[in-house]
Amino acid sequence: NCIEQVIDGCVEISNEVGETKIGDPYNKYM
């Protein structure tokens, strides 16, 4: 359960960086 949480946290931030932090400004700009 602990390791799963660790991995899920990594999944979530990789998604946030790509889709939101970088992707959201990009999509709005385009």
PDB file of all heavy atoms in Angstrom:
ATOM      1  N   ASN A   1       0.832  -1.206   0.000  1.00  0.00           N
ATOM      2  CA  ASN A   1       0.000   0.000   0.000  1.00  0.00           C
ATOM      3  C   ASN A   1       0.864   1.252   0.000  1.00  0.00           C
ATOM      4  O   ASN A   1       0.557   2.240  -0.669  1.00  0.00           O
ATOM      5  CB  ASN A   1      -0.910   0.027   1.230  1.00  0.00           C
ATOM      6  CG  ASN A   1      -2.014  -0.992   1.189  1.00  0.00           C
ATOM      7  OD1 ASN A   1      -2.520  -1.399   2.234  1.00  0.00           O
ATOM      8  ND2 ASN A   1      -2.412  -1.427   0.007  1.00  0.00           N
ATOM      9  N   CYS A   2       1.956   1.204   0.757  1.00  0.00           N
ATOM     10  CA  CYS A   2       2.867   2.349   0.826  1.00  0.00           C
ATOM     11  C   CYS A   2       3.585   2.557  -0.507  1.00  0.00           C
ATOM     12  O   CYS A   2       3.662   3.691  -1.009  1.00  0.00           O
ATOM     13  CB  CYS A   2       3.886   2.140   1.939  1.00  0.00           C
ATOM     14  SG  CYS A   2       3.171   1.981   3.589  1.00  0.00           S
ATOM     15  N   ILE A   3       4.111   1.484  -1.062  1.00  0.00           N
ATOM     16  CA  ILE A   3       4.826   1.591  -2.342  1.00  0.00           C
ATOM     17  C   ILE A   3       3.875   2.026  -3.453  1.00  0.00           C
ATOM     18  O   ILE A   3       4.238   2.830  -4.325  1.00  0.00           O
ATOM     19  CB  ILE A   3       5.499   0.252  -2.705  1.00  0.00           C
ATOM     20  CG1 ILE A   3       6.577  -0.093  -1.679  1.00  0.00           C
ATOM     21  CG2 ILE A   3       6.073   0.305  -4.109  1.00  0.00           C
ATOM     22  CD1 ILE A   3       7.714   0.910  -1.604  1.00  0.00           C
ATOM     23  N   GLU A   4       2.663   1.522  -3.402  1.00  0.00           N
ATOM     24  CA  GLU A   4       1.664   1.924  -4.401  1.00  0.00           C
ATOM     25  C   GLU A   4       1.413   3.423  -4.318  1.00  0.00           C
ATOM     26  O   GLU A   4       1.300   4.104  -5.339  1.00  0.00           O
ATOM     27  CB  GLU A   4       0.368   1.164  -4.174  1.00  0.00           C
ATOM     28  CG  GLU A   4      -0.718   1.479  -5.204  1.00  0.00           C
ATOM     29  CD  GLU A   4      -1.987   0.691  -4.962  1.00  0.00           C
ATOM     30  OE1 GLU A   4      -2.285   0.385  -3.781  1.00  0.00           O
ATOM     31  OE2 GLU A   4      -2.682   0.383  -5.938  1.00  0.00           O
ATOM     32  N   GLN A   5       1.337   3.960  -3.090  1.00  0.00           N
ATOM     33  CA  GLN A   5       1.151   5.393  -2.910  1.00  0.00           C
ATOM     34  C   GLN A   5       2.336   6.173  -3.456  1.00  0.00           C
ATOM     35  O   GLN A   5       2.171   7.224  -4.080  1.00  0.00           O
ATOM     36  CB  GLN A   5       0.958   5.717  -1.434  1.00  0.00           C
ATOM     37  CG  GLN A   5       0.852   7.197  -1.120  1.00  0.00           C
ATOM     38  CD  GLN A   5      -0.338   7.853  -1.780  1.00  0.00           C
ATOM     39  OE1 GLN A   5      -1.469   7.690  -1.335  1.00  0.00           O
ATOM     40  NE2 GLN A   5      -0.104   8.603  -2.853  1.00  0.00           N
ATOM     41  N   VAL A   6       3.538   5.660  -3.233  1.00  0.00           N
ATOM     42  CA  VAL A   6       4.743   6.313  -3.751  1.00  0.00           C
ATOM     43  C   VAL A   6       4.694   6.380  -5.272  1.00  0.00           C
ATOM     44  O   VAL A   6       4.945   7.435  -5.877  1.00  0.00           O
ATOM     45  CB  VAL A   6       6.008   5.568  -3.288  1.00  0.00           C
ATOM     46  CG1 VAL A   6       7.247   6.161  -3.964  1.00  0.00           C
ATOM     47  CG2 VAL A   6       6.149   5.631  -1.772  1.00  0.00           C
ATOM     48  N   ILE A   7       4.360   5.275  -5.898  1.00  0.00           N
ATOM     49  CA  ILE A   7       4.299   5.238  -7.364  1.00  0.00           C
ATOM     50  C   ILE A   7       3.171   6.118  -7.881  1.00  0.00           C
ATOM     51  O   ILE A   7       3.349   6.864  -8.858  1.00  0.00           O
ATOM     52  CB  ILE A   7       4.134   3.789  -7.868  1.00  0.00           C
ATOM     53  CG1 ILE A   7       5.351   2.954  -7.479  1.00  0.00           C
ATOM     54  CG2 ILE A   7       3.946   3.774  -9.390  1.00  0.00           C
ATOM     55  CD1 ILE A   7       5.222   1.481  -7.814  1.00  0.00           C
ATOM     56  N   ASP A   8       2.015   6.065  -7.227  1.00  0.00           N
ATOM     57  CA  ASP A   8       0.886   6.901  -7.651  1.00  0.00           C
ATOM     58  C   ASP A   8       1.251   8.380  -7.586  1.00  0.00           C
ATOM     59  O   ASP A   8       0.860   9.173  -8.449  1.00  0.00           O
ATOM     60  CB  ASP A   8      -0.338   6.635  -6.777  1.00  0.00           C
ATOM     61  CG  ASP A   8      -1.036   5.324  -7.124  1.00  0.00           C
ATOM     62  OD1 ASP A   8      -0.738   4.771  -8.202  1.00  0.00           O
ATOM     63  OD2 ASP A   8      -1.863   4.863  -6.307  1.00  0.00           O
ATOM     64  N   GLY A   9       2.007   8.755  -6.547  1.00  0.00           N
ATOM     65  CA  GLY A   9       2.442  10.141  -6.440  1.00  0.00           C
ATOM     66  C   GLY A   9       3.329  10.542  -7.602  1.00  0.00           C
ATOM     67  O   GLY A   9       3.237  11.667  -8.121  1.00  0.00           O
ATOM     68  N   CYS A  10       4.183   9.622  -8.030  1.00  0.00           N
ATOM     69  CA  CYS A  10       5.057   9.888  -9.178  1.00  0.00           C
ATOM     70  C   CYS A  10       4.255   9.989 -10.465  1.00  0.00           C
ATOM     71  O   CYS A  10       4.540  10.837 -11.326  1.00  0.00           O
ATOM     72  CB  CYS A  10       6.109   8.779  -9.293  1.00  0.00           C
ATOM     73  SG  CYS A  10       7.291   8.712  -7.933  1.00  0.00           S
ATOM     74  N   VAL A  11       3.261   9.138 -10.597  1.00  0.00           N
ATOM     75  CA  VAL A  11       2.390   9.177 -11.774  1.00  0.00           C
ATOM     76  C   VAL A  11       1.656  10.516 -11.843  1.00  0.00           C
ATOM     77  O   VAL A  11       1.587  11.153 -12.899  1.00  0.00           O
ATOM     78  CB  VAL A  11       1.366   8.018 -11.738  1.00  0.00           C
ATOM     79  CG1 VAL A  11       0.309   8.186 -12.832  1.00  0.00           C
ATOM     80  CG2 VAL A  11       2.079   6.680 -11.890  1.00  0.00           C
ATOM     81  N   GLU A  12       1.128  10.938 -10.709  1.00  0.00           N
ATOM     82  CA  GLU A  12       0.336  12.167 -10.674  1.00  0.00           C
ATOM     83  C   GLU A  12       1.155  13.405 -11.029  1.00  0.00           C
ATOM     84  O   GLU A  12       0.697  14.263 -11.783  1.00  0.00           O
ATOM     85  CB  GLU A  12      -0.295  12.322  -9.293  1.00  0.00           C
ATOM     86  CG  GLU A  12      -1.411  11.319  -9.025  1.00  0.00           C
ATOM     87  CD  GLU A  12      -1.828  11.269  -7.567  1.00  0.00           C
ATOM     88  OE1 GLU A  12      -1.342  12.126  -6.788  1.00  0.00           O
ATOM     89  OE2 GLU A  12      -2.632  10.390  -7.206  1.00  0.00           O
ATOM     90  N   ILE A  13       2.363  13.493 -10.505  1.00  0.00           N
ATOM     91  CA  ILE A  13       3.145  14.700 -10.787  1.00  0.00           C
ATOM     92  C   ILE A  13       3.685  14.677 -12.216  1.00  0.00           C
ATOM     93  O   ILE A  13       3.808  15.732 -12.852  1.00  0.00           O
ATOM     94  CB  ILE A  13       4.285  14.902  -9.766  1.00  0.00           C
ATOM     95  CG1 ILE A  13       4.904  16.291  -9.949  1.00  0.00           C
ATOM     96  CG2 ILE A  13       5.335  13.809  -9.883  1.00  0.00           C
ATOM     97  CD1 ILE A  13       3.944  17.440  -9.794  1.00  0.00           C
ATOM     98  N   SER A  14       3.985  13.503 -12.758  1.00  0.00           N
ATOM     99  CA  SER A  14       4.421  13.455 -14.160  1.00  0.00           C
ATOM    100  C   SER A  14       3.280  13.891 -15.073  1.00  0.00           C
ATOM    101  O   SER A  14       3.494  14.602 -16.060  1.00  0.00           O
ATOM    102  CB  SER A  14       4.903  12.053 -14.534  1.00  0.00           C
ATOM    103  OG  SER A  14       3.895  11.080 -14.332  1.00  0.00           O
ATOM    104  N   ASN A  15       2.061  13.506 -14.715  1.00  0.00           N
ATOM    105  CA  ASN A  15       0.891  13.940 -15.475  1.00  0.00           C
ATOM    106  C   ASN A  15       0.676  15.441 -15.332  1.00  0.00           C
ATOM    107  O   ASN A  15       0.407  16.144 -16.321  1.00  0.00           O
ATOM    108  CB  ASN A  15      -0.347  13.184 -14.989  1.00  0.00           C
ATOM    109  CG  ASN A  15      -1.641  13.710 -15.592  1.00  0.00           C
ATOM    110  OD1 ASN A  15      -2.243  14.648 -15.081  1.00  0.00           O
ATOM    111  ND2 ASN A  15      -2.071  13.112 -16.697  1.00  0.00           N
ATOM    112  N   GLU A  16       0.811  15.937 -14.113  1.00  0.00           N
ATOM    113  CA  GLU A  16       0.584  17.364 -13.869  1.00  0.00           C
ATOM    114  C   GLU A  16       1.594  18.234 -14.611  1.00  0.00           C
ATOM    115  O   GLU A  16       1.238  19.266 -15.187  1.00  0.00           O
ATOM    116  CB  GLU A  16       0.636  17.666 -12.374  1.00  0.00           C
ATOM    117  CG  GLU A  16       0.347  19.120 -12.051  1.00  0.00           C
ATOM    118  CD  GLU A  16       0.374  19.417 -10.571  1.00  0.00           C
ATOM    119  OE1 GLU A  16       0.315  18.464  -9.766  1.00  0.00           O
ATOM    120  OE2 GLU A  16       0.449  20.604 -10.217  1.00  0.00           O
ATOM    121  N   VAL A  17       2.853  17.821 -14.594  1.00  0.00           N
ATOM    122  CA  VAL A  17       3.878  18.606 -15.295  1.00  0.00           C
ATOM    123  C   VAL A  17       3.592  18.630 -16.793  1.00  0.00           C
ATOM    124  O   VAL A  17       3.630  19.685 -17.432  1.00  0.00           O
ATOM    125  CB  VAL A  17       5.287  18.046 -15.023  1.00  0.00           C
ATOM    126  CG1 VAL A  17       6.316  18.764 -15.896  1.00  0.00           C
ATOM    127  CG2 VAL A  17       5.647  18.209 -13.553  1.00  0.00           C
ATOM    128  N   GLY A  18       3.311  17.454 -17.357  1.00  0.00           N
ATOM    129  CA  GLY A  18       3.089  17.383 -18.796  1.00  0.00           C
ATOM    130  C   GLY A  18       1.791  18.010 -19.259  1.00  0.00           C
ATOM    131  O   GLY A  18       1.772  18.834 -20.175  1.00  0.00           O
ATOM    132  N   GLU A  19       0.683  17.640 -18.613  1.00  0.00           N
ATOM    133  CA  GLU A  19      -0.628  18.082 -19.074  1.00  0.00           C
ATOM    134  C   GLU A  19      -1.017  19.474 -18.573  1.00  0.00           C
ATOM    135  O   GLU A  19      -1.684  20.230 -19.276  1.00  0.00           O
ATOM    136  CB  GLU A  19      -1.708  17.076 -18.651  1.00  0.00           C
ATOM    137  CG  GLU A  19      -1.689  15.778 -19.436  1.00  0.00           C
ATOM    138  CD  GLU A  19      -2.983  14.996 -19.266  1.00  0.00           C
ATOM    139  OE1 GLU A  19      -3.923  15.523 -18.651  1.00  0.00           O
ATOM    140  OE2 GLU A  19      -3.037  13.855 -19.760  1.00  0.00           O
ATOM    141  N   THR A  20      -0.621  19.801 -17.348  1.00  0.00           N
ATOM    142  CA  THR A  20      -1.089  21.044 -16.749  1.00  0.00           C
ATOM    143  C   THR A  20      -0.026  22.140 -16.739  1.00  0.00           C
ATOM    144  O   THR A  20      -0.219  23.217 -17.308  1.00  0.00           O
ATOM    145  CB  THR A  20      -1.581  20.797 -15.308  1.00  0.00           C
ATOM    146  OG1 THR A  20      -2.602  19.788 -15.333  1.00  0.00           O
ATOM    147  CG2 THR A  20      -2.137  22.072 -14.705  1.00  0.00           C
ATOM    148  N   LYS A  21       1.098  21.871 -16.108  1.00  0.00           N
ATOM    149  CA  LYS A  21       2.097  22.926 -15.939  1.00  0.00           C
ATOM    150  C   LYS A  21       2.688  23.380 -17.270  1.00  0.00           C
ATOM    151  O   LYS A  21       2.939  24.565 -17.472  1.00  0.00           O
ATOM    152  CB  LYS A  21       3.205  22.451 -14.995  1.00  0.00           C
ATOM    153  CG  LYS A  21       2.715  22.211 -13.573  1.00  0.00           C
ATOM    154  CD  LYS A  21       3.871  22.033 -12.615  1.00  0.00           C
ATOM    155  CE  LYS A  21       3.387  21.873 -11.184  1.00  0.00           C
ATOM    156  NZ  LYS A  21       4.482  21.917 -10.195  1.00  0.00           N
ATOM    157  N   ILE A  22       2.921  22.430 -18.173  1.00  0.00           N
ATOM    158  CA  ILE A  22       3.441  22.779 -19.499  1.00  0.00           C
ATOM    159  C   ILE A  22       2.317  22.762 -20.531  1.00  0.00           C
ATOM    160  O   ILE A  22       2.195  23.668 -21.354  1.00  0.00           O
ATOM    161  CB  ILE A  22       4.565  21.816 -19.925  1.00  0.00           C
ATOM    162  CG1 ILE A  22       5.700  21.832 -18.893  1.00  0.00           C
ATOM    163  CG2 ILE A  22       5.099  22.184 -21.306  1.00  0.00           C
ATOM    164  CD1 ILE A  22       6.820  20.849 -19.183  1.00  0.00           C
ATOM    165  N   GLY A  23       1.483  21.732 -20.475  1.00  0.00           N
ATOM    166  CA  GLY A  23       0.450  21.545 -21.478  1.00  0.00           C
ATOM    167  C   GLY A  23      -0.648  22.591 -21.467  1.00  0.00           C
ATOM    168  O   GLY A  23      -1.118  23.020 -22.528  1.00  0.00           O
ATOM    169  N   ASP A  24      -1.061  23.032 -20.279  1.00  0.00           N
ATOM    170  CA  ASP A  24      -2.140  24.019 -20.202  1.00  0.00           C
ATOM    171  C   ASP A  24      -1.740  25.355 -20.837  1.00  0.00           C
ATOM    172  O   ASP A  24      -2.483  25.898 -21.669  1.00  0.00           O
ATOM    173  CB  ASP A  24      -2.570  24.204 -18.751  1.00  0.00           C
ATOM    174  CG  ASP A  24      -3.846  25.023 -18.622  1.00  0.00           C
ATOM    175  OD1 ASP A  24      -4.742  24.857 -19.468  1.00  0.00           O
ATOM    176  OD2 ASP A  24      -3.948  25.825 -17.679  1.00  0.00           O
ATOM    177  N   PRO A  25      -0.573  25.918 -20.492  1.00  0.00           N
ATOM    178  CA  PRO A  25      -0.155  27.146 -21.184  1.00  0.00           C
ATOM    179  C   PRO A  25      -0.015  26.944 -22.686  1.00  0.00           C
ATOM    180  O   PRO A  25      -0.396  27.829 -23.478  1.00  0.00           O
ATOM    181  CB  PRO A  25       1.205  27.464 -20.541  1.00  0.00           C
ATOM    182  CG  PRO A  25       1.158  26.820 -19.211  1.00  0.00           C
ATOM    183  CD  PRO A  25       0.362  25.560 -19.414  1.00  0.00           C
ATOM    184  N   TYR A  26       0.504  25.785 -23.079  1.00  0.00           N
ATOM    185  CA  TYR A  26       0.686  25.504 -24.508  1.00  0.00           C
ATOM    186  C   TYR A  26      -0.666  25.483 -25.234  1.00  0.00           C
ATOM    187  O   TYR A  26      -0.823  26.115 -26.289  1.00  0.00           O
ATOM    188  CB  TYR A  26       1.396  24.169 -24.699  1.00  0.00           C
ATOM    189  CG  TYR A  26       1.500  23.733 -26.143  1.00  0.00           C
ATOM    190  CD1 TYR A  26       2.464  24.277 -26.989  1.00  0.00           C
ATOM    191  CD2 TYR A  26       0.614  22.794 -26.668  1.00  0.00           C
ATOM    192  CE1 TYR A  26       2.549  23.894 -28.322  1.00  0.00           C
ATOM    193  CE2 TYR A  26       0.696  22.397 -27.999  1.00  0.00           C
ATOM    194  CZ  TYR A  26       1.663  22.952 -28.822  1.00  0.00           C
ATOM    195  OH  TYR A  26       1.738  22.566 -30.152  1.00  0.00           O
ATOM    196  N   ASN A  27      -1.625  24.771 -24.670  1.00  0.00           N
ATOM    197  CA  ASN A  27      -2.938  24.675 -25.305  1.00  0.00           C
ATOM    198  C   ASN A  27      -3.636  26.030 -25.372  1.00  0.00           C
ATOM    199  O   ASN A  27      -4.270  26.363 -26.373  1.00  0.00           O
ATOM    200  CB  ASN A  27      -3.818  23.668 -24.562  1.00  0.00           C
ATOM    201  CG  ASN A  27      -3.335  22.243 -24.724  1.00  0.00           C
ATOM    202  OD1 ASN A  27      -2.729  21.897 -25.744  1.00  0.00           O
ATOM    203  ND2 ASN A  27      -3.582  21.405 -23.730  1.00  0.00           N
ATOM    204  N   LYS A  28      -3.516  26.809 -24.315  1.00  0.00           N
ATOM    205  CA  LYS A  28      -4.126  28.148 -24.318  1.00  0.00           C
ATOM    206  C   LYS A  28      -3.448  29.035 -25.360  1.00  0.00           C
ATOM    207  O   LYS A  28      -4.110  29.796 -26.077  1.00  0.00           O
ATOM    208  CB  LYS A  28      -4.008  28.780 -22.931  1.00  0.00           C
ATOM    209  CG  LYS A  28      -4.986  28.232 -21.898  1.00  0.00           C
ATOM    210  CD  LYS A  28      -4.807  28.928 -20.561  1.00  0.00           C
ATOM    211  CE  LYS A  28      -5.960  28.633 -19.605  1.00  0.00           C
ATOM    212  NZ  LYS A  28      -6.116  27.228 -19.284  1.00  0.00           N
ATOM    213  N   TYR A  29      -2.137  28.941 -25.441  1.00  0.00           N
ATOM    214  CA  TYR A  29      -1.396  29.753 -26.405  1.00  0.00           C
ATOM    215  C   TYR A  29      -1.790  29.377 -27.834  1.00  0.00           C
ATOM    216  O   TYR A  29      -2.016  30.252 -28.673  1.00  0.00           O
ATOM    217  CB  TYR A  29       0.101  29.559 -26.208  1.00  0.00           C
ATOM    218  CG  TYR A  29       0.947  30.560 -26.961  1.00  0.00           C
ATOM    219  CD1 TYR A  29       1.417  31.705 -26.331  1.00  0.00           C
ATOM    220  CD2 TYR A  29       1.269  30.362 -28.304  1.00  0.00           C
ATOM    221  CE1 TYR A  29       2.190  32.637 -27.015  1.00  0.00           C
ATOM    222  CE2 TYR A  29       2.033  31.280 -29.006  1.00  0.00           C
ATOM    223  CZ  TYR A  29       2.496  32.414 -28.351  1.00  0.00           C
ATOM    224  OH  TYR A  29       3.247  33.333 -29.047  1.00  0.00           O
ATOM    225  N   MET A  30      -1.884  28.096 -28.105  1.00  0.00           N
ATOM    226  CA  MET A  30      -2.226  27.643 -29.452  1.00  0.00           C
ATOM    227  C   MET A  30      -3.662  27.987 -29.821  1.00  0.00           C
ATOM    228  O   MET A  30      -4.013  28.026 -31.000  1.00  0.00           O
ATOM    229  CB  MET A  30      -1.995  26.133 -29.572  1.00  0.00           C
ATOM    230  CG  MET A  30      -0.547  25.711 -29.370  1.00  0.00           C
ATOM    231  SD  MET A  30       0.641  26.580 -30.431  1.00  0.00           S
ATOM    232  CE  MET A  30       0.196  25.927 -32.047  1.00  0.00           C
TER     233      MET A  30
END
